[in-house]
Amino acid sequence: MLLSIWHHRYVLAFDPLTGESMMRVGRWMIAMCLLVGPAAVKAQTPAGMTGSWATAPVQVLAKPAEARDLTIRNIVHVSLGSTDTVSVQLTNEFGLEPLTVGAASIALRQSADTVAAPVPLLFNGQANVVIPPGKFVWSDPVHLVFPAMNDVAVSLFVPSQPMTFVSQHNFANAVNYLAAGNQATALSLTDATKLTSFRYLKSVAVSSPSRGAIVAFGDSITDGSKSTADTNQRWPDLLAKRLVANPATATVGVMNVGIGGNRILHDVTGPSALARFDRDVLELANVKYIVLLEGINDIGHAYDPANAYDRVSVEELIAADRLLITRAHANHIKVIGATLTPYMTAKYASPAGEQVRAALNNWIRSSGEFDGVIDFDKATRDPAKPASFAAAYDSGDNLHPTDGGMKAMADSIDLSLFAK
């Protein structure tokens, strides 16, 4: 077990048995929650279930206009299908007050906000549940069968209540729905408005036979920024499609916990990767693998020619990756390291930052410290200008891939990494 001590600008990690210093990482406000446990008390993950879909919520200021009785219909694209039962994880991890959910249901989506035969969700046998601030809750497993790679609707009736912050994933890259009153079990919502975030929903797990789940842990490139909305062209979605079609990996789930703007060492959009590791990996069901694609925002902001801040070195980024590997291995999870995609000529790019990106990628490829490597950099770069995206894969901002770039990333993954 590692322990940590905060000391001025650094965190010093040491072995509590020998007192020997093991590594020094990060500058300024490095969040080390992963070494001492999550901010939220762990809710019991349903036994025998595997994550089929997930997202990573952040803290968002509640809107006064939405302080009324509301039904939220979250539309999620599952990776694994359900052959028997399903359970849903709700979250109030960033709330300051208790969150009351008055009713909930799950159903296979037909089109838009219309669903087929909604199944009510219960929580310890009750239709309603109160989630304390900073915590999660799993629903009781309910019988619902649906195929892999389909849209499922999770509907939540949230009665009017005081909420300073809501826990939601801001960028759904898909349309969800809001409607007045309790319509949790309605086949179609009345007077629904569109919502572009996932609210109060963290994950969906199924009881189908499975070899475990992959967590795609990253930033906006993993979150699907610039991919076509409502078409599930994020690279984790396309990886899930390949896994399902391959007999050796057909029972491996994929959960996407990318957050746009996220960094490894500093909080910005959501907690840092170090700080959110427990809540966004260990709180999910039957995780066996992580694909780690983080660091480009650390580098971009640290070496931004116009406004450099939160300076980091390649050594600090490597040390942070090592901490994530150590934390994962302690929980019997394999970590697949993914090289950072090109970024030169992006808004915050610089030659100095490119040197750090290249050095970090070289370490990911050659260190042998990961359980496997995916070379997203090689898959998306321009052979004539390797620090930049290939033209067909550049969305136009020189940072995020097109749908074609997302496909190139997914296609570059050796599926045998997840067959053992």
Protein backbone atom coordinates (compact mmCIF):
# COMPACT_ATOMS: atom_id res chain seq x y z
CA MET A 1 0.00 0.00 0.00
CA LEU A 2 1.19 3.51 -0.79
CA LEU A 3 0.57 6.50 1.44
CA SER A 4 1.07 10.14 0.57
CA ILE A 5 2.14 13.32 2.34
CA TRP A 6 1.42 16.83 1.06
CA HIS A 7 4.59 18.90 1.25
CA HIS A 8 4.69 22.41 -0.23
CA ARG A 9 4.76 21.96 -4.03
CA TYR A 10 5.07 18.19 -4.19
CA VAL A 11 3.44 15.03 -3.02
CA LEU A 12 5.88 12.47 -1.71
CA ALA A 13 4.74 8.86 -1.86
CA PHE A 14 6.40 6.34 0.41
CA ASP A 15 6.19 2.74 1.57
CA PRO A 16 4.67 2.75 5.09
CA LEU A 17 6.57 -0.39 6.08
CA THR A 18 10.08 0.75 5.16
CA GLY A 19 9.66 4.52 5.06
CA GLU A 20 11.52 4.47 1.75
CA SER A 21 10.66 7.24 -0.71
CA MET A 22 9.17 5.73 -3.87
CA MET A 23 8.41 8.65 -6.18
CA ARG A 24 7.86 12.38 -6.24
CA VAL A 25 5.19 13.60 -8.59
CA GLY A 26 3.56 16.76 -9.77
CA ARG A 27 3.67 20.41 -8.91
CA TRP A 28 1.17 22.73 -7.29
CA MET A 29 -2.25 21.13 -6.62
CA ILE A 30 -1.80 17.48 -7.59
CA ALA A 31 -4.87 15.56 -6.47
CA MET A 32 -3.92 12.29 -4.79
CA CYS A 33 -7.38 11.02 -3.86
CA LEU A 34 -6.61 7.76 -5.62
CA LEU A 35 -4.13 6.83 -2.88
CA VAL A 36 -6.55 7.29 -0.01
CA GLY A 37 -9.89 6.29 -1.54
CA PRO A 38 -12.72 7.98 -3.42
CA ALA A 39 -14.56 11.08 -2.31
CA ALA A 40 -17.77 9.07 -2.24
CA VAL A 41 -18.52 6.06 -0.07
CA LYS A 42 -18.61 3.03 -2.32
CA ALA A 43 -22.08 1.62 -3.01
CA GLN A 44 -22.32 -2.14 -3.42
CA THR A 45 -21.82 -3.14 -7.06
CA PRO A 46 -24.35 -5.81 -8.06
CA ALA A 47 -22.72 -9.25 -7.99
CA GLY A 48 -22.22 -11.04 -11.28
CA MET A 49 -22.89 -8.00 -13.46
CA THR A 50 -20.67 -6.23 -16.02
CA GLY A 51 -20.66 -2.62 -17.13
CA SER A 52 -22.20 -2.09 -20.56
CA TRP A 53 -22.24 1.73 -20.60
CA ALA A 54 -20.91 4.53 -18.40
CA THR A 55 -20.15 8.20 -18.34
CA ALA A 56 -18.10 10.51 -16.11
CA PRO A 57 -20.18 13.23 -14.41
CA VAL A 58 -18.83 16.61 -13.35
CA GLN A 59 -20.16 19.31 -11.04
CA VAL A 60 -22.56 21.75 -12.72
CA LEU A 61 -24.38 24.70 -11.14
CA ALA A 62 -28.11 23.94 -10.94
CA LYS A 63 -30.37 26.12 -13.08
CA PRO A 64 -33.19 27.85 -11.19
CA ALA A 65 -35.51 27.35 -14.18
CA GLU A 66 -35.22 23.58 -13.76
CA ALA A 67 -36.11 23.56 -10.05
CA ARG A 68 -39.44 21.85 -10.71
CA ASP A 69 -40.80 18.34 -11.07
CA LEU A 70 -38.94 16.89 -14.06
CA THR A 71 -38.50 13.63 -15.90
CA ILE A 72 -35.07 13.12 -17.44
CA ARG A 73 -34.89 10.51 -20.19
CA ASN A 74 -31.22 9.58 -20.72
CA ILE A 75 -30.61 7.67 -23.97
CA VAL A 76 -27.51 5.44 -23.72
CA HIS A 77 -25.84 3.27 -26.37
CA VAL A 78 -24.94 0.01 -24.64
CA SER A 79 -22.01 -2.19 -25.65
CA LEU A 80 -23.04 -5.53 -24.11
CA GLY A 81 -26.58 -6.79 -24.45
CA SER A 82 -28.65 -8.17 -21.59
CA THR A 83 -29.71 -11.81 -21.56
CA ASP A 84 -31.45 -11.58 -18.18
CA THR A 85 -31.17 -8.68 -15.74
CA VAL A 86 -29.91 -5.11 -15.74
CA SER A 87 -28.99 -2.61 -13.01
CA VAL A 88 -28.52 1.15 -13.19
CA GLN A 89 -26.11 3.32 -11.19
CA LEU A 90 -27.31 6.79 -10.22
CA THR A 91 -25.07 9.54 -8.89
CA ASN A 92 -25.11 12.53 -6.59
CA GLU A 93 -21.33 12.56 -6.36
CA PHE A 94 -21.03 16.35 -6.80
CA GLY A 95 -24.21 17.39 -5.01
CA LEU A 96 -24.21 19.37 -1.79
CA GLU A 97 -27.72 18.31 -0.79
CA PRO A 98 -29.44 14.90 -0.81
CA LEU A 99 -30.92 14.00 -4.20
CA THR A 100 -34.39 12.47 -4.27
CA VAL A 101 -35.33 10.38 -7.29
CA GLY A 102 -39.06 9.74 -7.09
CA ALA A 103 -39.33 7.06 -9.78
CA ALA A 104 -37.15 5.47 -12.45
CA SER A 105 -37.46 3.07 -15.35
CA ILE A 106 -35.39 1.40 -18.06
CA ALA A 107 -36.52 0.41 -21.55
CA LEU A 108 -35.31 -0.29 -25.04
CA ARG A 109 -35.54 2.94 -27.04
CA GLN A 110 -37.58 2.84 -30.26
CA SER A 111 -37.09 6.33 -31.67
CA ALA A 112 -36.50 9.81 -30.26
CA ASP A 113 -38.06 9.82 -26.75
CA THR A 114 -40.34 6.83 -27.44
CA VAL A 115 -39.58 3.55 -25.67
CA ALA A 116 -40.95 0.02 -25.58
CA ALA A 117 -42.41 -1.46 -22.39
CA PRO A 118 -40.59 0.50 -19.66
CA VAL A 119 -39.60 -1.56 -16.63
CA PRO A 120 -39.79 0.28 -13.27
CA LEU A 121 -36.54 0.39 -11.31
CA LEU A 122 -36.51 -0.26 -7.58
CA PHE A 123 -33.96 0.60 -4.90
CA ASN A 124 -33.96 -1.84 -2.00
CA GLY A 125 -37.47 -2.70 -3.07
CA GLN A 126 -38.67 0.91 -3.11
CA ALA A 127 -39.72 3.01 -6.11
CA ASN A 128 -37.98 6.11 -4.77
CA VAL A 129 -34.49 6.68 -3.41
CA VAL A 130 -32.59 9.45 -1.61
CA ILE A 131 -28.92 9.66 -2.59
CA PRO A 132 -26.76 11.49 -0.02
CA PRO A 133 -24.30 14.14 -1.17
CA GLY A 134 -21.14 12.68 -2.65
CA LYS A 135 -22.54 9.18 -3.12
CA PHE A 136 -23.81 6.69 -5.70
CA VAL A 137 -26.56 4.09 -5.63
CA TRP A 138 -27.31 0.98 -7.69
CA SER A 139 -30.84 -0.07 -8.53
CA ASP A 140 -32.05 -3.57 -7.78
CA PRO A 141 -31.49 -5.85 -10.80
CA VAL A 142 -34.62 -6.08 -12.99
CA HIS A 143 -35.43 -8.43 -15.83
CA LEU A 144 -34.92 -6.81 -19.24
CA VAL A 145 -33.49 -8.40 -22.37
CA PHE A 146 -31.94 -6.32 -25.14
CA PRO A 147 -29.29 -6.84 -27.83
CA ALA A 148 -25.76 -5.45 -27.82
CA MET A 149 -25.03 -2.12 -29.50
CA ASN A 150 -28.53 -0.73 -28.99
CA ASP A 151 -30.06 2.38 -27.46
CA VAL A 152 -31.57 2.03 -23.99
CA ALA A 153 -33.54 4.74 -22.18
CA VAL A 154 -33.11 5.35 -18.45
CA SER A 155 -35.87 7.68 -17.24
CA LEU A 156 -35.67 9.47 -13.89
CA PHE A 157 -38.41 11.44 -12.20
CA VAL A 158 -36.74 14.11 -10.05
CA PRO A 159 -39.23 16.06 -7.93
CA SER A 160 -38.66 19.72 -7.17
CA GLN A 161 -36.00 20.07 -4.48
CA PRO A 162 -33.17 22.43 -3.50
CA MET A 163 -30.02 21.56 -5.46
CA THR A 164 -26.93 23.77 -5.60
CA PHE A 165 -25.08 21.49 -8.01
CA VAL A 166 -26.15 18.67 -10.28
CA SER A 167 -23.94 15.72 -11.24
CA GLN A 168 -23.99 15.41 -14.99
CA HIS A 169 -21.83 14.67 -18.00
CA ASN A 170 -22.06 17.84 -20.05
CA PHE A 171 -21.28 16.51 -23.52
CA ALA A 172 -23.56 13.62 -24.39
CA ASN A 173 -22.96 14.08 -28.13
CA ALA A 174 -26.50 12.75 -28.36
CA VAL A 175 -30.01 13.99 -27.66
CA ASN A 176 -31.64 13.23 -24.31
CA TYR A 177 -34.94 14.62 -23.09
CA LEU A 178 -36.59 16.65 -20.32
CA ALA A 179 -40.32 16.71 -19.60
CA ALA A 180 -42.48 18.18 -16.86
CA GLY A 181 -43.88 16.00 -14.08
CA ASN A 182 -43.57 12.27 -13.51
CA GLN A 183 -43.37 10.58 -16.91
CA ALA A 184 -40.80 7.94 -15.95
CA THR A 185 -42.92 5.07 -17.31
CA ALA A 186 -44.50 6.89 -20.27
CA LEU A 187 -44.04 5.30 -23.68
CA SER A 188 -43.56 8.77 -25.19
CA LEU A 189 -42.92 11.98 -23.32
CA THR A 190 -45.42 14.82 -23.44
CA ASP A 191 -44.01 18.23 -24.41
CA ALA A 192 -40.42 17.04 -24.16
CA THR A 193 -37.47 19.37 -24.71
CA LYS A 194 -34.02 18.28 -25.77
CA LEU A 195 -31.13 17.84 -23.35
CA THR A 196 -27.51 17.45 -24.50
CA SER A 197 -26.09 16.06 -21.24
CA PHE A 198 -26.39 12.87 -19.18
CA ARG A 199 -27.85 13.83 -15.78
CA TYR A 200 -27.70 11.86 -12.51
CA LEU A 201 -26.83 8.69 -14.45
CA LYS A 202 -23.41 7.05 -14.13
CA SER A 203 -23.56 3.53 -15.56
CA VAL A 204 -25.62 0.57 -16.74
CA ALA A 205 -24.62 -3.03 -15.97
CA VAL A 206 -25.94 -6.32 -17.32
CA SER A 207 -25.90 -9.89 -16.06
CA SER A 208 -24.99 -11.45 -19.42
CA PRO A 209 -22.01 -13.85 -19.46
CA SER A 210 -18.95 -11.65 -19.81
CA ARG A 211 -15.17 -11.63 -19.63
CA GLY A 212 -15.28 -8.18 -18.05
CA ALA A 213 -15.32 -4.59 -19.25
CA ILE A 214 -12.93 -2.03 -20.69
CA VAL A 215 -12.92 1.53 -19.34
CA ALA A 216 -11.89 4.10 -21.94
CA PHE A 217 -10.30 6.70 -19.67
CA GLY A 218 -9.49 10.00 -21.31
CA ASP A 219 -10.36 13.52 -22.42
CA SER A 220 -12.40 15.03 -25.26
CA ILE A 221 -10.87 12.73 -27.88
CA THR A 222 -12.30 9.76 -25.98
CA ASP A 223 -15.50 11.67 -25.18
CA GLY A 224 -16.13 12.04 -28.92
CA SER A 225 -15.74 15.77 -29.46
CA LYS A 226 -16.15 16.65 -33.17
CA SER A 227 -17.57 13.23 -34.06
CA THR A 228 -21.03 13.28 -35.60
CA ALA A 229 -23.72 13.60 -32.94
CA ASP A 230 -26.26 10.82 -32.44
CA THR A 231 -24.30 8.34 -34.58
CA ASN A 232 -22.02 6.74 -31.94
CA GLN A 233 -18.81 7.35 -33.87
CA ARG A 234 -16.61 7.80 -30.80
CA TRP A 235 -13.61 5.47 -30.93
CA PRO A 236 -14.83 3.51 -27.82
CA ASP A 237 -18.19 2.90 -29.58
CA LEU A 238 -16.39 1.68 -32.70
CA LEU A 239 -14.12 -0.51 -30.57
CA ALA A 240 -17.21 -2.03 -28.92
CA LYS A 241 -18.65 -2.79 -32.35
CA ARG A 242 -15.44 -4.61 -33.33
CA LEU A 243 -15.35 -6.54 -30.05
CA VAL A 244 -18.93 -7.75 -30.43
CA ALA A 245 -18.22 -8.98 -33.98
CA ASN A 246 -15.13 -10.93 -32.85
CA PRO A 247 -15.98 -14.29 -31.17
CA ALA A 248 -12.99 -14.15 -28.81
CA THR A 249 -14.04 -10.75 -27.42
CA ALA A 250 -17.80 -10.68 -27.99
CA THR A 251 -18.54 -10.67 -24.25
CA VAL A 252 -16.24 -7.75 -23.36
CA GLY A 253 -18.06 -4.52 -22.46
CA VAL A 254 -16.87 -0.97 -23.12
CA MET A 255 -17.51 2.05 -20.88
CA ASN A 256 -16.51 5.57 -21.93
CA VAL A 257 -15.43 7.90 -19.10
CA GLY A 258 -13.80 10.57 -21.24
CA ILE A 259 -14.27 14.19 -20.16
CA GLY A 260 -13.61 17.08 -22.53
CA GLY A 261 -10.71 19.20 -21.28
CA ASN A 262 -9.66 16.66 -18.66
CA ARG A 263 -6.04 16.49 -17.47
CA ILE A 264 -3.98 13.99 -15.50
CA LEU A 265 -2.39 16.28 -12.95
CA HIS A 266 -4.73 19.24 -12.49
CA ASP A 267 -8.45 19.75 -12.09
CA VAL A 268 -10.07 21.80 -14.83
CA THR A 269 -13.10 20.25 -16.53
CA GLY A 270 -13.94 17.73 -13.87
CA PRO A 271 -11.43 16.34 -11.39
CA SER A 272 -8.01 15.31 -12.66
CA ALA A 273 -7.45 11.74 -13.82
CA LEU A 274 -5.62 11.03 -10.57
CA ALA A 275 -8.44 12.40 -8.45
CA ARG A 276 -11.28 10.70 -10.33
CA PHE A 277 -9.75 7.25 -10.83
CA ASP A 278 -11.66 5.57 -8.01
CA ARG A 279 -15.07 7.03 -8.84
CA ASP A 280 -14.75 6.63 -12.61
CA VAL A 281 -13.07 3.21 -12.70
CA LEU A 282 -13.35 1.28 -9.43
CA GLU A 283 -17.02 2.20 -8.85
CA LEU A 284 -18.01 0.54 -12.14
CA ALA A 285 -19.00 -3.10 -12.58
CA ASN A 286 -16.47 -5.84 -13.43
CA VAL A 287 -13.71 -3.68 -14.91
CA LYS A 288 -10.83 -5.78 -16.28
CA TYR A 289 -9.04 -3.33 -18.57
CA ILE A 290 -8.35 0.40 -18.88
CA VAL A 291 -7.34 2.12 -22.10
CA LEU A 292 -5.55 5.25 -20.89
CA LEU A 293 -5.46 8.21 -23.30
CA GLU A 294 -4.71 11.30 -21.19
CA GLY A 295 -2.12 14.06 -21.17
CA ILE A 296 -2.59 16.23 -24.25
CA ASN A 297 -4.41 18.92 -22.25
CA ASP A 298 -1.69 18.89 -19.56
CA ILE A 299 0.89 19.46 -22.30
CA GLY A 300 -1.18 21.96 -24.27
CA HIS A 301 -1.84 24.29 -21.34
CA ALA A 302 1.63 23.90 -19.82
CA TYR A 303 3.36 24.96 -23.06
CA ASP A 304 0.72 27.24 -24.59
CA PRO A 305 2.64 30.06 -26.35
CA ALA A 306 -0.12 32.55 -25.50
CA ASN A 307 -0.89 31.55 -21.91
CA ALA A 308 1.21 28.81 -20.34
CA TYR A 309 0.10 27.66 -16.89
CA ASP A 310 0.21 24.60 -14.64
CA ARG A 311 3.62 23.66 -15.97
CA VAL A 312 4.41 19.95 -16.11
CA SER A 313 7.38 17.91 -17.28
CA VAL A 314 7.42 14.60 -19.08
CA GLU A 315 8.83 13.06 -15.89
CA GLU A 316 5.79 14.21 -13.94
CA LEU A 317 3.40 12.85 -16.56
CA ILE A 318 5.21 9.51 -16.53
CA ALA A 319 5.08 9.41 -12.73
CA ALA A 320 1.33 10.07 -12.85
CA ASP A 321 0.81 7.27 -15.37
CA ARG A 322 2.80 4.97 -13.09
CA LEU A 323 0.51 5.83 -10.19
CA LEU A 324 -2.54 4.97 -12.29
CA ILE A 325 -0.93 1.69 -13.34
CA THR A 326 -0.10 0.86 -9.71
CA ARG A 327 -3.64 1.68 -8.57
CA ALA A 328 -5.17 -0.40 -11.35
CA HIS A 329 -2.90 -3.40 -10.76
CA ALA A 330 -3.74 -3.30 -7.06
CA ASN A 331 -7.33 -3.90 -8.15
CA HIS A 332 -6.46 -6.62 -10.69
CA ILE A 333 -7.09 -4.36 -13.68
CA LYS A 334 -4.82 -4.30 -16.74
CA VAL A 335 -3.81 -0.93 -18.18
CA ILE A 336 -3.36 -0.47 -21.92
CA GLY A 337 -1.36 2.67 -22.67
CA ALA A 338 -2.45 4.72 -25.70
CA THR A 339 -0.07 7.16 -27.37
CA LEU A 340 -1.24 10.77 -27.60
CA THR A 341 -2.56 11.78 -31.01
CA PRO A 342 -0.91 14.64 -32.97
CA TYR A 343 -1.60 18.22 -31.97
CA MET A 344 0.78 20.56 -33.80
CA THR A 345 -0.95 23.71 -35.07
CA ALA A 346 -3.76 23.22 -32.54
CA LYS A 347 -4.61 26.42 -30.68
CA TYR A 348 -2.38 25.64 -27.69
CA ALA A 349 0.36 23.74 -29.54
CA SER A 350 4.05 24.64 -29.41
CA PRO A 351 7.38 23.07 -30.38
CA ALA A 352 8.25 22.71 -26.69
CA GLY A 353 4.98 20.91 -26.01
CA GLU A 354 5.55 18.67 -29.02
CA GLN A 355 8.87 17.57 -27.53
CA VAL A 356 7.05 16.52 -24.35
CA ARG A 357 4.33 14.71 -26.31
CA ALA A 358 6.94 12.84 -28.35
CA ALA A 359 8.91 11.90 -25.22
CA LEU A 360 5.79 10.67 -23.42
CA ASN A 361 4.74 8.62 -26.46
CA ASN A 362 8.20 7.10 -26.67
CA TRP A 363 7.96 6.04 -23.02
CA ILE A 364 4.46 4.58 -23.53
CA ARG A 365 5.70 2.53 -26.50
CA SER A 366 9.00 1.35 -25.05
CA SER A 367 8.86 1.27 -21.25
CA GLY A 368 7.15 -2.09 -20.89
CA GLU A 369 5.26 -0.76 -17.86
CA PHE A 370 1.82 -1.05 -19.45
CA ASP A 371 0.05 -4.34 -20.00
CA GLY A 372 -0.23 -3.46 -23.67
CA VAL A 373 0.11 -0.49 -26.02
CA ILE A 374 -2.19 1.07 -28.63
CA ASP A 375 -0.47 3.45 -31.01
CA PHE A 376 -3.15 6.05 -31.75
CA ASP A 377 -0.44 8.51 -32.75
CA LYS A 378 0.78 6.25 -35.55
CA ALA A 379 -2.79 5.48 -36.63
CA THR A 380 -3.79 9.13 -37.15
CA ARG A 381 -0.66 11.10 -38.06
CA ASP A 382 0.37 12.43 -41.45
CA PRO A 383 3.38 10.33 -42.58
CA ALA A 384 4.89 13.42 -44.21
CA LYS A 385 4.30 15.59 -41.12
CA PRO A 386 4.16 13.17 -38.18
CA ALA A 387 3.47 15.90 -35.61
CA SER A 388 0.15 16.64 -37.32
CA PHE A 389 -3.03 14.74 -38.11
CA ALA A 390 -3.47 13.22 -41.54
CA ALA A 391 -5.75 15.61 -43.45
CA ALA A 392 -8.58 13.07 -43.70
CA TYR A 393 -8.56 12.59 -39.93
CA ASP A 394 -8.40 16.25 -38.85
CA SER A 395 -11.73 17.74 -37.79
CA GLY A 396 -10.38 21.21 -38.52
CA ASP A 397 -8.97 22.19 -35.14
CA ASN A 398 -5.80 20.08 -35.49
CA LEU A 399 -6.62 18.36 -32.21
CA HIS A 400 -9.76 16.24 -32.53
CA PRO A 401 -10.27 13.49 -35.11
CA THR A 402 -13.07 13.24 -37.64
CA ASP A 403 -15.36 10.22 -37.76
CA GLY A 404 -12.78 8.72 -40.10
CA GLY A 405 -10.05 9.44 -37.58
CA MET A 406 -12.11 7.82 -34.82
CA LYS A 407 -12.49 4.75 -37.03
CA ALA A 408 -8.76 4.67 -37.73
CA MET A 409 -8.12 4.74 -33.99
CA ALA A 410 -10.58 1.92 -33.27
CA ASP A 411 -9.32 -0.15 -36.21
CA SER A 412 -5.72 0.17 -34.99
CA ILE A 413 -6.49 -1.66 -31.74
CA ASP A 414 -5.28 -5.25 -31.50
CA LEU A 415 -8.31 -7.08 -30.12
CA SER A 416 -6.10 -9.82 -28.71
CA LEU A 417 -5.26 -7.35 -25.91
CA PHE A 418 -8.72 -8.11 -24.53
CA ALA A 419 -8.82 -11.84 -25.25
CA LYS A 420 -6.55 -12.82 -22.36
